[in-house]
Amino acid sequence: MLARNSAAELPAAAAGGWRLRWPLRRRAAPAFSDGQAESGLKRAHFTEWRLPFWLLAPQLFILLLFFFIPSVRALIQAFQLTDPFGATTQWVGFQNFERLFRSSVYWSSVQVTVVFTVAQNVLTLTLALLLAFASNHILRGRGAYRTILLLPYAIAPAIAGIMLAFLFNPRVGPVAHMLQGLGFDWDPNRNSSHALALIVMAASWKHICYNYIFLVAALLSVPHSILESAYLDGAGPIQRFLRISLPMIAPTLFFLIVINFVYGLFETFAIVDATTRGGPAGATSILVYKVYQDGFVTLDLGSSAAQSVILMGLALLLTYAQFRFIERRVNYSV
């Protein structure tokens, strides 16, 4: 055995260096594809279909149970007229959609939704940008500041709505008392614009942390050599941020704009329900909350299903418009 091992190692020694013996060398060899090695990549594949299927089965089951089946059911129910107890159904075609398009209440909800989504998107992205810019220029305690700014992300949306509703309550809220002391007649229970501003602030406060995480990571990826060159040329912190950092993180900004629109359309139900419950007089009844009111409060199941289909179509349309018109101004090259 010793003679055999020595014979295997002698050619390597004669070549001017020690190498692994051929059984180990064959095991450690890189993967080849069409006679060429893949540089820096590792090929991973399954030899049979059963293992990947069982690995994906739990997630596929959850998607089937909570997404695909309800989506197909809502799409079918949008063309039906169902009694409040769900005992009998009647096929009515597009009558549910026609009734919605003739409803002034529904168009008012669409208008409120657009204003709310745009205002929430602008406020969230602006404040997250300011916080990311400020935290990157803190010399001491930067980690502590970032941890504090990320804490609201761990709070449930309903709790965030309750907190903001208490703080801005015209009777007992400390922030409302400060506003009233400054001469501002704050009352979201009677003033529709105040109520809309309240849910915008609550939704933005809850979602700033999500935007902040991505913006901090994007700002850290900006090459320091470019920023140092601008500093040597006399550019201040604000000029470096506006003219160098902001254009270079444009892909991240575009991603956050799309995500914020989806968040405003679909993920703000709990905040509206805990803060204003759609009031006063439906002034804050955004589309996702109106779907709930018509489906679970007034038990108009056909109208609720039709509204959910329209809401999904609106989200797809806004996403397409953003990719069609806004992405053209995004530069992905450094």
C-alpha atoms as a PDB file:
ATOM      1  CA  MET A   1       0.000   0.000   0.000  1.00  0.00           C
ATOM      2  CA  LEU A   2       2.806   2.409   0.843  1.00  0.00           C
ATOM      3  CA  ALA A   3       4.478   1.671  -2.439  1.00  0.00           C
ATOM      4  CA  ARG A   4       1.290   2.267  -4.340  1.00  0.00           C
ATOM      5  CA  ASN A   5       0.621   5.612  -2.596  1.00  0.00           C
ATOM      6  CA  SER A   6       4.188   6.706  -3.191  1.00  0.00           C
ATOM      7  CA  ALA A   7       3.895   5.828  -6.860  1.00  0.00           C
ATOM      8  CA  ALA A   8       0.766   7.937  -7.119  1.00  0.00           C
ATOM      9  CA  GLU A   9       2.437  10.922  -5.472  1.00  0.00           C
ATOM     10  CA  LEU A  10       5.805  10.768  -7.294  1.00  0.00           C
ATOM     11  CA  PRO A  11       4.568  12.256 -10.604  1.00  0.00           C
ATOM     12  CA  ALA A  12       3.071  15.204  -8.723  1.00  0.00           C
ATOM     13  CA  ALA A  13       6.320  15.762  -6.835  1.00  0.00           C
ATOM     14  CA  ALA A  14       8.288  15.490 -10.036  1.00  0.00           C
ATOM     15  CA  ALA A  15       6.084  18.154 -11.602  1.00  0.00           C
ATOM     16  CA  GLY A  16       7.239  20.615  -8.977  1.00  0.00           C
ATOM     17  CA  GLY A  17       4.412  20.495  -6.438  1.00  0.00           C
ATOM     18  CA  TRP A  18       2.394  18.212  -4.201  1.00  0.00           C
ATOM     19  CA  ARG A  19      -1.132  17.391  -5.376  1.00  0.00           C
ATOM     20  CA  LEU A  20      -3.957  15.273  -4.082  1.00  0.00           C
ATOM     21  CA  ARG A  21      -4.017  11.660  -5.164  1.00  0.00           C
ATOM     22  CA  TRP A  22      -6.297  10.916  -8.075  1.00  0.00           C
ATOM     23  CA  PRO A  23      -9.350   9.543  -6.128  1.00  0.00           C
ATOM     24  CA  LEU A  24      -9.640  12.756  -4.090  1.00  0.00           C
ATOM     25  CA  ARG A  25      -8.742  14.935  -7.074  1.00  0.00           C
ATOM     26  CA  ARG A  26     -11.600  13.452  -9.067  1.00  0.00           C
ATOM     27  CA  ARG A  27     -14.052  14.080  -6.236  1.00  0.00           C
ATOM     28  CA  ALA A  28     -13.040  17.724  -5.831  1.00  0.00           C
ATOM     29  CA  ALA A  29     -13.076  18.520  -9.557  1.00  0.00           C
ATOM     30  CA  PRO A  30     -15.459  21.310 -10.674  1.00  0.00           C
ATOM     31  CA  ALA A  31     -18.637  20.558 -12.599  1.00  0.00           C
ATOM     32  CA  PHE A  32     -18.366  20.614 -16.390  1.00  0.00           C
ATOM     33  CA  SER A  33     -21.063  21.536 -18.845  1.00  0.00           C
ATOM     34  CA  ASP A  34     -20.510  20.841 -22.554  1.00  0.00           C
ATOM     35  CA  GLY A  35     -16.812  20.419 -21.964  1.00  0.00           C
ATOM     36  CA  GLN A  36     -16.387  23.781 -20.196  1.00  0.00           C
ATOM     37  CA  ALA A  37     -16.165  24.434 -16.480  1.00  0.00           C
ATOM     38  CA  GLU A  38     -18.619  26.853 -14.893  1.00  0.00           C
ATOM     39  CA  SER A  39     -16.549  29.546 -13.227  1.00  0.00           C
ATOM     40  CA  GLY A  40     -17.804  30.539  -9.777  1.00  0.00           C
ATOM     41  CA  LEU A  41     -21.036  28.518 -10.036  1.00  0.00           C
ATOM     42  CA  LYS A  42     -22.175  25.291  -8.484  1.00  0.00           C
ATOM     43  CA  ARG A  43     -24.606  23.028 -10.229  1.00  0.00           C
ATOM     44  CA  ALA A  44     -27.332  21.580  -8.030  1.00  0.00           C
ATOM     45  CA  HIS A  45     -29.992  19.235  -9.299  1.00  0.00           C
ATOM     46  CA  PHE A  46     -32.185  16.438  -8.044  1.00  0.00           C
ATOM     47  CA  THR A  47     -31.831  12.979  -9.480  1.00  0.00           C
ATOM     48  CA  GLU A  48     -35.551  12.241  -9.022  1.00  0.00           C
ATOM     49  CA  TRP A  49     -38.753  14.290  -8.814  1.00  0.00           C
ATOM     50  CA  ARG A  50     -40.094  12.985  -5.483  1.00  0.00           C
ATOM     51  CA  LEU A  51     -37.741  14.888  -3.159  1.00  0.00           C
ATOM     52  CA  PRO A  52     -38.297  18.392  -4.623  1.00  0.00           C
ATOM     53  CA  PHE A  53     -42.046  17.703  -4.760  1.00  0.00           C
ATOM     54  CA  TRP A  54     -42.222  16.875  -1.047  1.00  0.00           C
ATOM     55  CA  LEU A  55     -40.065  19.886  -0.226  1.00  0.00           C
ATOM     56  CA  LEU A  56     -42.464  22.187  -2.091  1.00  0.00           C
ATOM     57  CA  ALA A  57     -45.653  20.418  -1.031  1.00  0.00           C
ATOM     58  CA  PRO A  58     -46.306  22.412   2.211  1.00  0.00           C
ATOM     59  CA  GLN A  59     -45.969  25.778   0.485  1.00  0.00           C
ATOM     60  CA  LEU A  60     -48.012  24.638  -2.520  1.00  0.00           C
ATOM     61  CA  PHE A  61     -50.735  23.378  -0.187  1.00  0.00           C
ATOM     62  CA  ILE A  62     -50.891  26.725   1.629  1.00  0.00           C
ATOM     63  CA  LEU A  63     -51.052  28.639  -1.663  1.00  0.00           C
ATOM     64  CA  LEU A  64     -53.761  26.331  -2.965  1.00  0.00           C
ATOM     65  CA  LEU A  65     -55.841  26.570   0.193  1.00  0.00           C
ATOM     66  CA  PHE A  66     -55.531  30.285   0.944  1.00  0.00           C
ATOM     67  CA  PHE A  67     -54.882  31.866  -2.472  1.00  0.00           C
ATOM     68  CA  PHE A  68     -55.853  29.900  -5.568  1.00  0.00           C
ATOM     69  CA  ILE A  69     -59.129  28.399  -4.332  1.00  0.00           C
ATOM     70  CA  PRO A  70     -60.411  31.705  -2.823  1.00  0.00           C
ATOM     71  CA  SER A  71     -59.347  33.608  -5.956  1.00  0.00           C
ATOM     72  CA  VAL A  72     -61.226  31.248  -8.274  1.00  0.00           C
ATOM     73  CA  ARG A  73     -64.221  31.280  -5.936  1.00  0.00           C
ATOM     74  CA  ALA A  74     -64.278  35.106  -5.829  1.00  0.00           C
ATOM     75  CA  LEU A  75     -63.999  35.287  -9.613  1.00  0.00           C
ATOM     76  CA  ILE A  76     -66.996  32.969 -10.028  1.00  0.00           C
ATOM     77  CA  GLN A  77     -69.007  34.710  -7.318  1.00  0.00           C
ATOM     78  CA  ALA A  78     -68.459  38.105  -8.972  1.00  0.00           C
ATOM     79  CA  PHE A  79     -70.887  36.980 -11.704  1.00  0.00           C
ATOM     80  CA  GLN A  80     -73.475  35.572  -9.308  1.00  0.00           C
ATOM     81  CA  LEU A  81     -76.176  36.938  -7.036  1.00  0.00           C
ATOM     82  CA  THR A  82     -76.094  35.177  -3.673  1.00  0.00           C
ATOM     83  CA  ASP A  83     -78.519  35.508  -0.778  1.00  0.00           C
ATOM     84  CA  PRO A  84     -77.045  36.645   2.569  1.00  0.00           C
ATOM     85  CA  PHE A  85     -76.937  33.081   3.924  1.00  0.00           C
ATOM     86  CA  GLY A  86     -75.343  31.600   0.809  1.00  0.00           C
ATOM     87  CA  ALA A  87     -78.135  29.083   0.305  1.00  0.00           C
ATOM     88  CA  THR A  88     -79.130  30.019  -3.246  1.00  0.00           C
ATOM     89  CA  THR A  89     -77.161  31.572  -6.101  1.00  0.00           C
ATOM     90  CA  GLN A  90     -78.224  32.996  -9.436  1.00  0.00           C
ATOM     91  CA  TRP A  91     -76.027  33.740 -12.433  1.00  0.00           C
ATOM     92  CA  VAL A  92     -76.368  37.450 -13.283  1.00  0.00           C
ATOM     93  CA  GLY A  93     -73.396  38.045 -15.581  1.00  0.00           C
ATOM     94  CA  PHE A  94     -71.956  41.554 -15.383  1.00  0.00           C
ATOM     95  CA  GLN A  95     -74.820  43.036 -13.352  1.00  0.00           C
ATOM     96  CA  ASN A  96     -72.690  43.278 -10.197  1.00  0.00           C
ATOM     97  CA  PHE A  97     -70.060  45.281 -12.085  1.00  0.00           C
ATOM     98  CA  GLU A  98     -72.672  47.505 -13.743  1.00  0.00           C
ATOM     99  CA  ARG A  99     -74.229  48.250 -10.362  1.00  0.00           C
ATOM    100  CA  LEU A 100     -70.822  49.200  -8.971  1.00  0.00           C
ATOM    101  CA  PHE A 101     -69.980  51.509 -11.867  1.00  0.00           C
ATOM    102  CA  ARG A 102     -73.295  53.323 -11.423  1.00  0.00           C
ATOM    103  CA  SER A 103     -72.745  53.753  -7.682  1.00  0.00           C
ATOM    104  CA  SER A 104     -71.501  57.172  -6.555  1.00  0.00           C
ATOM    105  CA  VAL A 105     -70.442  55.649  -3.225  1.00  0.00           C
ATOM    106  CA  TYR A 106     -68.125  53.239  -4.998  1.00  0.00           C
ATOM    107  CA  TRP A 107     -66.519  55.970  -7.128  1.00  0.00           C
ATOM    108  CA  SER A 108     -66.019  58.029  -3.964  1.00  0.00           C
ATOM    109  CA  SER A 109     -64.209  55.025  -2.441  1.00  0.00           C
ATOM    110  CA  VAL A 110     -62.024  54.758  -5.568  1.00  0.00           C
ATOM    111  CA  GLN A 111     -61.103  58.444  -5.280  1.00  0.00           C
ATOM    112  CA  VAL A 112     -60.263  58.092  -1.590  1.00  0.00           C
ATOM    113  CA  THR A 113     -58.149  55.012  -2.352  1.00  0.00           C
ATOM    114  CA  VAL A 114     -56.106  56.797  -5.020  1.00  0.00           C
ATOM    115  CA  VAL A 115     -55.482  59.826  -2.797  1.00  0.00           C
ATOM    116  CA  PHE A 116     -54.627  57.655   0.186  1.00  0.00           C
ATOM    117  CA  THR A 117     -52.257  55.372  -1.768  1.00  0.00           C
ATOM    118  CA  VAL A 118     -50.376  58.222  -3.452  1.00  0.00           C
ATOM    119  CA  ALA A 119     -50.081  60.256  -0.228  1.00  0.00           C
ATOM    120  CA  GLN A 120     -48.934  57.226   1.753  1.00  0.00           C
ATOM    121  CA  ASN A 121     -46.368  56.324  -0.904  1.00  0.00           C
ATOM    122  CA  VAL A 122     -44.900  59.836  -1.067  1.00  0.00           C
ATOM    123  CA  LEU A 123     -44.812  60.315   2.723  1.00  0.00           C
ATOM    124  CA  THR A 124     -43.347  56.879   3.425  1.00  0.00           C
ATOM    125  CA  LEU A 125     -40.618  57.097   0.797  1.00  0.00           C
ATOM    126  CA  THR A 126     -39.670  60.680   1.687  1.00  0.00           C
ATOM    127  CA  LEU A 127     -39.329  60.043   5.413  1.00  0.00           C
ATOM    128  CA  ALA A 128     -37.486  56.761   4.854  1.00  0.00           C
ATOM    129  CA  LEU A 129     -35.011  58.537   2.560  1.00  0.00           C
ATOM    130  CA  LEU A 130     -34.408  61.287   5.130  1.00  0.00           C
ATOM    131  CA  LEU A 131     -33.896  58.764   7.922  1.00  0.00           C
ATOM    132  CA  ALA A 132     -31.547  56.615   5.825  1.00  0.00           C
ATOM    133  CA  PHE A 133     -29.517  59.678   4.823  1.00  0.00           C
ATOM    134  CA  ALA A 134     -29.325  60.908   8.414  1.00  0.00           C
ATOM    135  CA  SER A 135     -28.414  57.547   9.945  1.00  0.00           C
ATOM    136  CA  ASN A 136     -25.573  57.082   7.443  1.00  0.00           C
ATOM    137  CA  HIS A 137     -23.999  60.350   8.643  1.00  0.00           C
ATOM    138  CA  ILE A 138     -24.132  59.498  12.359  1.00  0.00           C
ATOM    139  CA  LEU A 139     -20.662  58.750  13.731  1.00  0.00           C
ATOM    140  CA  ARG A 140     -21.563  57.350  17.150  1.00  0.00           C
ATOM    141  CA  GLY A 141     -24.445  55.048  18.017  1.00  0.00           C
ATOM    142  CA  ARG A 142     -25.367  54.315  14.417  1.00  0.00           C
ATOM    143  CA  GLY A 143     -26.411  50.756  15.222  1.00  0.00           C
ATOM    144  CA  ALA A 144     -28.624  51.903  18.083  1.00  0.00           C
ATOM    145  CA  TYR A 145     -30.372  54.460  15.890  1.00  0.00           C
ATOM    146  CA  ARG A 146     -30.998  51.870  13.190  1.00  0.00           C
ATOM    147  CA  THR A 147     -32.397  49.422  15.735  1.00  0.00           C
ATOM    148  CA  ILE A 148     -34.789  52.034  17.109  1.00  0.00           C
ATOM    149  CA  LEU A 149     -35.964  52.974  13.623  1.00  0.00           C
ATOM    150  CA  LEU A 150     -36.709  49.325  12.837  1.00  0.00           C
ATOM    151  CA  LEU A 151     -38.811  48.700  15.965  1.00  0.00           C
ATOM    152  CA  PRO A 152     -42.207  49.769  14.473  1.00  0.00           C
ATOM    153  CA  TYR A 153     -41.866  47.002  11.872  1.00  0.00           C
ATOM    154  CA  ALA A 154     -42.412  44.442  14.663  1.00  0.00           C
ATOM    155  CA  ILE A 155     -45.753  46.021  15.650  1.00  0.00           C
ATOM    156  CA  ALA A 156     -48.946  44.547  14.202  1.00  0.00           C
ATOM    157  CA  PRO A 157     -50.908  46.855  11.850  1.00  0.00           C
ATOM    158  CA  ALA A 158     -53.960  46.805  14.137  1.00  0.00           C
ATOM    159  CA  ILE A 159     -51.830  47.868  17.126  1.00  0.00           C
ATOM    160  CA  ALA A 160     -50.276  50.644  15.046  1.00  0.00           C
ATOM    161  CA  GLY A 161     -53.749  51.901  14.130  1.00  0.00           C
ATOM    162  CA  ILE A 162     -54.899  51.833  17.750  1.00  0.00           C
ATOM    163  CA  MET A 163     -51.793  53.733  18.888  1.00  0.00           C
ATOM    164  CA  LEU A 164     -52.233  56.475  16.301  1.00  0.00           C
ATOM    165  CA  ALA A 165     -55.972  56.670  17.016  1.00  0.00           C
ATOM    166  CA  PHE A 166     -55.210  57.228  20.713  1.00  0.00           C
ATOM    167  CA  LEU A 167     -52.454  59.776  20.112  1.00  0.00           C
ATOM    168  CA  PHE A 168     -54.670  61.827  17.774  1.00  0.00           C
ATOM    169  CA  ASN A 169     -57.928  61.368  19.673  1.00  0.00           C
ATOM    170  CA  PRO A 170     -59.511  64.852  20.037  1.00  0.00           C
ATOM    171  CA  ARG A 171     -60.551  64.147  23.662  1.00  0.00           C
ATOM    172  CA  VAL A 172     -57.653  62.296  25.303  1.00  0.00           C
ATOM    173  CA  GLY A 173     -54.876  62.232  22.702  1.00  0.00           C
ATOM    174  CA  PRO A 174     -51.697  64.150  23.671  1.00  0.00           C
ATOM    175  CA  VAL A 175     -50.807  64.974  20.055  1.00  0.00           C
ATOM    176  CA  ALA A 176     -54.367  66.196  19.419  1.00  0.00           C
ATOM    177  CA  HIS A 177     -54.151  68.431  22.502  1.00  0.00           C
ATOM    178  CA  MET A 178     -50.888  69.894  21.200  1.00  0.00           C
ATOM    179  CA  LEU A 179     -52.504  70.634  17.848  1.00  0.00           C
ATOM    180  CA  GLN A 180     -55.492  72.201  19.526  1.00  0.00           C
ATOM    181  CA  GLY A 181     -53.186  74.271  21.721  1.00  0.00           C
ATOM    182  CA  LEU A 182     -51.569  75.623  18.553  1.00  0.00           C
ATOM    183  CA  GLY A 183     -54.993  76.746  17.328  1.00  0.00           C
ATOM    184  CA  PHE A 184     -55.622  73.827  14.948  1.00  0.00           C
ATOM    185  CA  ASP A 185     -59.140  72.451  15.328  1.00  0.00           C
ATOM    186  CA  TRP A 186     -58.222  68.780  14.993  1.00  0.00           C
ATOM    187  CA  ASP A 187     -61.138  66.325  14.983  1.00  0.00           C
ATOM    188  CA  PRO A 188     -60.908  63.219  12.750  1.00  0.00           C
ATOM    189  CA  ASN A 189     -64.279  62.020  14.044  1.00  0.00           C
ATOM    190  CA  ARG A 190     -66.105  64.819  12.210  1.00  0.00           C
ATOM    191  CA  ASN A 191     -63.655  66.183   9.624  1.00  0.00           C
ATOM    192  CA  SER A 192     -63.120  63.872   6.642  1.00  0.00           C
ATOM    193  CA  SER A 193     -59.780  65.423   5.630  1.00  0.00           C
ATOM    194  CA  HIS A 194     -58.454  64.989   9.169  1.00  0.00           C
ATOM    195  CA  ALA A 195     -59.533  61.337   9.182  1.00  0.00           C
ATOM    196  CA  LEU A 196     -57.841  60.719   5.824  1.00  0.00           C
ATOM    197  CA  ALA A 197     -54.657  62.388   7.077  1.00  0.00           C
ATOM    198  CA  LEU A 198     -54.775  60.181  10.174  1.00  0.00           C
ATOM    199  CA  ILE A 199     -54.876  56.890   8.259  1.00  0.00           C
ATOM    200  CA  VAL A 200     -52.148  58.158   5.907  1.00  0.00           C
ATOM    201  CA  MET A 201     -49.913  58.902   8.900  1.00  0.00           C
ATOM    202  CA  ALA A 202     -50.710  55.549  10.527  1.00  0.00           C
ATOM    203  CA  ALA A 203     -50.023  53.555   7.347  1.00  0.00           C
ATOM    204  CA  SER A 204     -46.833  55.486   6.626  1.00  0.00           C
ATOM    205  CA  TRP A 205     -45.498  55.148  10.176  1.00  0.00           C
ATOM    206  CA  LYS A 206     -46.016  51.383  10.019  1.00  0.00           C
ATOM    207  CA  HIS A 207     -44.329  51.000   6.606  1.00  0.00           C
ATOM    208  CA  ILE A 208     -41.396  53.423   6.941  1.00  0.00           C
ATOM    209  CA  CYS A 209     -39.262  50.688   8.510  1.00  0.00           C
ATOM    210  CA  TYR A 210     -39.634  48.421   5.475  1.00  0.00           C
ATOM    211  CA  ASN A 211     -38.513  51.202   3.120  1.00  0.00           C
ATOM    212  CA  TYR A 212     -35.721  52.192   5.500  1.00  0.00           C
ATOM    213  CA  ILE A 213     -34.158  48.706   5.424  1.00  0.00           C
ATOM    214  CA  PHE A 214     -33.831  48.695   1.636  1.00  0.00           C
ATOM    215  CA  LEU A 215     -32.674  52.305   1.395  1.00  0.00           C
ATOM    216  CA  VAL A 216     -29.926  51.860   3.992  1.00  0.00           C
ATOM    217  CA  ALA A 217     -28.671  48.777   2.157  1.00  0.00           C
ATOM    218  CA  ALA A 218     -28.799  50.657  -1.159  1.00  0.00           C
ATOM    219  CA  LEU A 219     -26.888  53.647   0.218  1.00  0.00           C
ATOM    220  CA  LEU A 220     -24.220  51.344   1.648  1.00  0.00           C
ATOM    221  CA  SER A 221     -23.709  49.855  -1.825  1.00  0.00           C
ATOM    222  CA  VAL A 222     -22.820  53.225  -3.368  1.00  0.00           C
ATOM    223  CA  PRO A 223     -19.046  53.160  -4.113  1.00  0.00           C
ATOM    224  CA  HIS A 224     -17.104  55.205  -1.574  1.00  0.00           C
ATOM    225  CA  SER A 225     -14.538  56.168  -4.183  1.00  0.00           C
ATOM    226  CA  ILE A 226     -17.144  58.188  -6.091  1.00  0.00           C
ATOM    227  CA  LEU A 227     -18.353  59.902  -2.925  1.00  0.00           C
ATOM    228  CA  GLU A 228     -14.772  60.698  -1.892  1.00  0.00           C
ATOM    229  CA  SER A 229     -14.037  62.164  -5.322  1.00  0.00           C
ATOM    230  CA  ALA A 230     -17.092  64.400  -5.037  1.00  0.00           C
ATOM    231  CA  TYR A 231     -15.993  65.427  -1.539  1.00  0.00           C
ATOM    232  CA  LEU A 232     -12.561  66.396  -2.814  1.00  0.00           C
ATOM    233  CA  ASP A 233     -14.255  68.428  -5.550  1.00  0.00           C
ATOM    234  CA  GLY A 234     -16.076  70.437  -2.889  1.00  0.00           C
ATOM    235  CA  ALA A 235     -19.524  68.804  -2.941  1.00  0.00           C
ATOM    236  CA  GLY A 236     -21.366  68.881   0.379  1.00  0.00           C
ATOM    237  CA  PRO A 237     -23.318  65.996   1.956  1.00  0.00           C
ATOM    238  CA  ILE A 238     -26.644  67.081   0.470  1.00  0.00           C
ATOM    239  CA  GLN A 239     -25.150  67.572  -2.998  1.00  0.00           C
ATOM    240  CA  ARG A 240     -23.477  64.154  -2.860  1.00  0.00           C
ATOM    241  CA  PHE A 241     -26.769  62.590  -1.807  1.00  0.00           C
ATOM    242  CA  LEU A 242     -28.915  64.280  -4.454  1.00  0.00           C
ATOM    243  CA  ARG A 243     -26.512  64.067  -7.391  1.00  0.00           C
ATOM    244  CA  ILE A 244     -24.670  60.794  -6.730  1.00  0.00           C
ATOM    245  CA  SER A 245     -26.391  58.532  -4.217  1.00  0.00           C
ATOM    246  CA  LEU A 246     -29.995  59.170  -5.257  1.00  0.00           C
ATOM    247  CA  PRO A 247     -29.508  58.389  -8.981  1.00  0.00           C
ATOM    248  CA  MET A 248     -27.472  55.279  -8.146  1.00  0.00           C
ATOM    249  CA  ILE A 249     -30.188  53.831  -5.886  1.00  0.00           C
ATOM    250  CA  ALA A 250     -32.932  54.462  -8.479  1.00  0.00           C
ATOM    251  CA  PRO A 251     -33.643  50.706  -8.947  1.00  0.00           C
ATOM    252  CA  THR A 252     -34.316  50.367  -5.217  1.00  0.00           C
ATOM    253  CA  LEU A 253     -36.568  53.432  -5.263  1.00  0.00           C
ATOM    254  CA  PHE A 254     -38.553  52.006  -8.169  1.00  0.00           C
ATOM    255  CA  PHE A 255     -38.950  48.693  -6.344  1.00  0.00           C
ATOM    256  CA  LEU A 256     -40.200  50.470  -3.222  1.00  0.00           C
ATOM    257  CA  ILE A 257     -42.689  52.550  -5.211  1.00  0.00           C
ATOM    258  CA  VAL A 258     -44.274  49.372  -6.577  1.00  0.00           C
ATOM    259  CA  ILE A 259     -44.283  47.692  -3.160  1.00  0.00           C
ATOM    260  CA  ASN A 260     -45.789  50.772  -1.488  1.00  0.00           C
ATOM    261  CA  PHE A 261     -48.654  50.847  -3.975  1.00  0.00           C
ATOM    262  CA  VAL A 262     -49.394  47.182  -3.326  1.00  0.00           C
ATOM    263  CA  TYR A 263     -49.190  47.828   0.425  1.00  0.00           C
ATOM    264  CA  GLY A 264     -51.603  50.775   0.221  1.00  0.00           C
ATOM    265  CA  LEU A 265     -54.135  48.823  -1.834  1.00  0.00           C
ATOM    266  CA  PHE A 266     -54.146  45.491   0.012  1.00  0.00           C
ATOM    267  CA  GLU A 267     -52.375  45.603   3.390  1.00  0.00           C
ATOM    268  CA  THR A 268     -53.948  48.598   5.132  1.00  0.00           C
ATOM    269  CA  PHE A 269     -57.296  47.067   6.085  1.00  0.00           C
ATOM    270  CA  ALA A 270     -56.316  46.510   9.724  1.00  0.00           C
ATOM    271  CA  ILE A 271     -55.033  50.080  10.083  1.00  0.00           C
ATOM    272  CA  VAL A 272     -58.248  51.617   8.693  1.00  0.00           C
ATOM    273  CA  ASP A 273     -60.437  49.300  10.764  1.00  0.00           C
ATOM    274  CA  ALA A 274     -58.598  50.084  13.992  1.00  0.00           C
ATOM    275  CA  THR A 275     -58.285  53.831  13.353  1.00  0.00           C
ATOM    276  CA  THR A 276     -61.455  55.201  11.716  1.00  0.00           C
ATOM    277  CA  ARG A 277     -63.567  52.174  10.654  1.00  0.00           C
ATOM    278  CA  GLY A 278     -64.097  53.876   7.319  1.00  0.00           C
ATOM    279  CA  GLY A 279     -65.626  57.028   8.820  1.00  0.00           C
ATOM    280  CA  PRO A 280     -66.710  59.672   9.100  1.00  0.00           C
ATOM    281  CA  ALA A 281     -69.529  58.937   6.625  1.00  0.00           C
ATOM    282  CA  GLY A 282     -67.317  56.674   4.490  1.00  0.00           C
ATOM    283  CA  ALA A 283     -64.615  59.331   4.026  1.00  0.00           C
ATOM    284  CA  THR A 284     -61.843  56.789   4.733  1.00  0.00           C
ATOM    285  CA  SER A 285     -63.530  53.701   3.282  1.00  0.00           C
ATOM    286  CA  ILE A 286     -60.813  52.645   0.872  1.00  0.00           C
ATOM    287  CA  LEU A 287     -61.482  49.830  -1.581  1.00  0.00           C
ATOM    288  CA  VAL A 288     -60.056  46.994   0.502  1.00  0.00           C
ATOM    289  CA  TYR A 289     -62.157  48.108   3.481  1.00  0.00           C
ATOM    290  CA  LYS A 290     -65.300  48.481   1.345  1.00  0.00           C
ATOM    291  CA  VAL A 291     -64.848  44.889   0.155  1.00  0.00           C
ATOM    292  CA  TYR A 292     -65.026  43.844   3.803  1.00  0.00           C
ATOM    293  CA  GLN A 293     -68.006  46.065   4.611  1.00  0.00           C
ATOM    294  CA  ASP A 294     -70.104  44.889   1.671  1.00  0.00           C
ATOM    295  CA  GLY A 295     -69.148  41.236   2.081  1.00  0.00           C
ATOM    296  CA  PHE A 296     -69.163  40.723   5.858  1.00  0.00           C
ATOM    297  CA  VAL A 297     -71.325  43.563   7.212  1.00  0.00           C
ATOM    298  CA  THR A 298     -74.071  44.071   4.636  1.00  0.00           C
ATOM    299  CA  LEU A 299     -73.661  40.480   3.279  1.00  0.00           C
ATOM    300  CA  ASP A 300     -73.731  41.585  -0.368  1.00  0.00           C
ATOM    301  CA  LEU A 301     -71.450  38.767  -1.463  1.00  0.00           C
ATOM    302  CA  GLY A 302     -71.740  39.309  -5.221  1.00  0.00           C
ATOM    303  CA  SER A 303     -70.829  42.999  -4.994  1.00  0.00           C
ATOM    304  CA  SER A 304     -67.958  42.246  -2.613  1.00  0.00           C
ATOM    305  CA  ALA A 305     -66.528  39.623  -4.983  1.00  0.00           C
ATOM    306  CA  ALA A 306     -66.836  42.007  -7.940  1.00  0.00           C
ATOM    307  CA  GLN A 307     -65.017  44.708  -5.973  1.00  0.00           C
ATOM    308  CA  SER A 308     -62.180  42.315  -5.137  1.00  0.00           C
ATOM    309  CA  VAL A 309     -61.788  41.471  -8.847  1.00  0.00           C
ATOM    310  CA  ILE A 310     -61.716  45.174  -9.748  1.00  0.00           C
ATOM    311  CA  LEU A 311     -59.212  45.854  -6.970  1.00  0.00           C
ATOM    312  CA  MET A 312     -56.890  43.154  -8.295  1.00  0.00           C
ATOM    313  CA  GLY A 313     -57.231  44.570 -11.802  1.00  0.00           C
ATOM    314  CA  LEU A 314     -56.452  48.075 -10.514  1.00  0.00           C
ATOM    315  CA  ALA A 315     -53.314  46.806  -8.783  1.00  0.00           C
ATOM    316  CA  LEU A 316     -52.160  45.063 -11.967  1.00  0.00           C
ATOM    317  CA  LEU A 317     -52.887  48.188 -14.014  1.00  0.00           C
ATOM    318  CA  LEU A 318     -50.924  50.453 -11.658  1.00  0.00           C
ATOM    319  CA  THR A 319     -48.011  48.022 -11.584  1.00  0.00           C
ATOM    320  CA  TYR A 320     -47.965  47.831 -15.383  1.00  0.00           C
ATOM    321  CA  ALA A 321     -48.083  51.647 -15.657  1.00  0.00           C
ATOM    322  CA  GLN A 322     -45.151  51.949 -13.263  1.00  0.00           C
ATOM    323  CA  PHE A 323     -43.064  49.448 -15.220  1.00  0.00           C
ATOM    324  CA  ARG A 324     -44.161  51.006 -18.513  1.00  0.00           C
ATOM    325  CA  PHE A 325     -43.504  54.681 -17.774  1.00  0.00           C
ATOM    326  CA  ILE A 326     -41.407  55.004 -14.599  1.00  0.00           C
ATOM    327  CA  GLU A 327     -38.892  52.207 -15.190  1.00  0.00           C
ATOM    328  CA  ARG A 328     -37.705  54.001 -18.360  1.00  0.00           C
ATOM    329  CA  ARG A 329     -36.157  56.659 -16.123  1.00  0.00           C
ATOM    330  CA  VAL A 330     -34.390  54.092 -13.949  1.00  0.00           C
ATOM    331  CA  ASN A 331     -30.726  53.471 -14.708  1.00  0.00           C
ATOM    332  CA  TYR A 332     -29.493  50.035 -13.640  1.00  0.00           C
ATOM    333  CA  SER A 333     -25.861  50.574 -14.635  1.00  0.00           C
ATOM    334  CA  VAL A 334     -23.296  52.006 -12.221  1.00  0.00           C
END
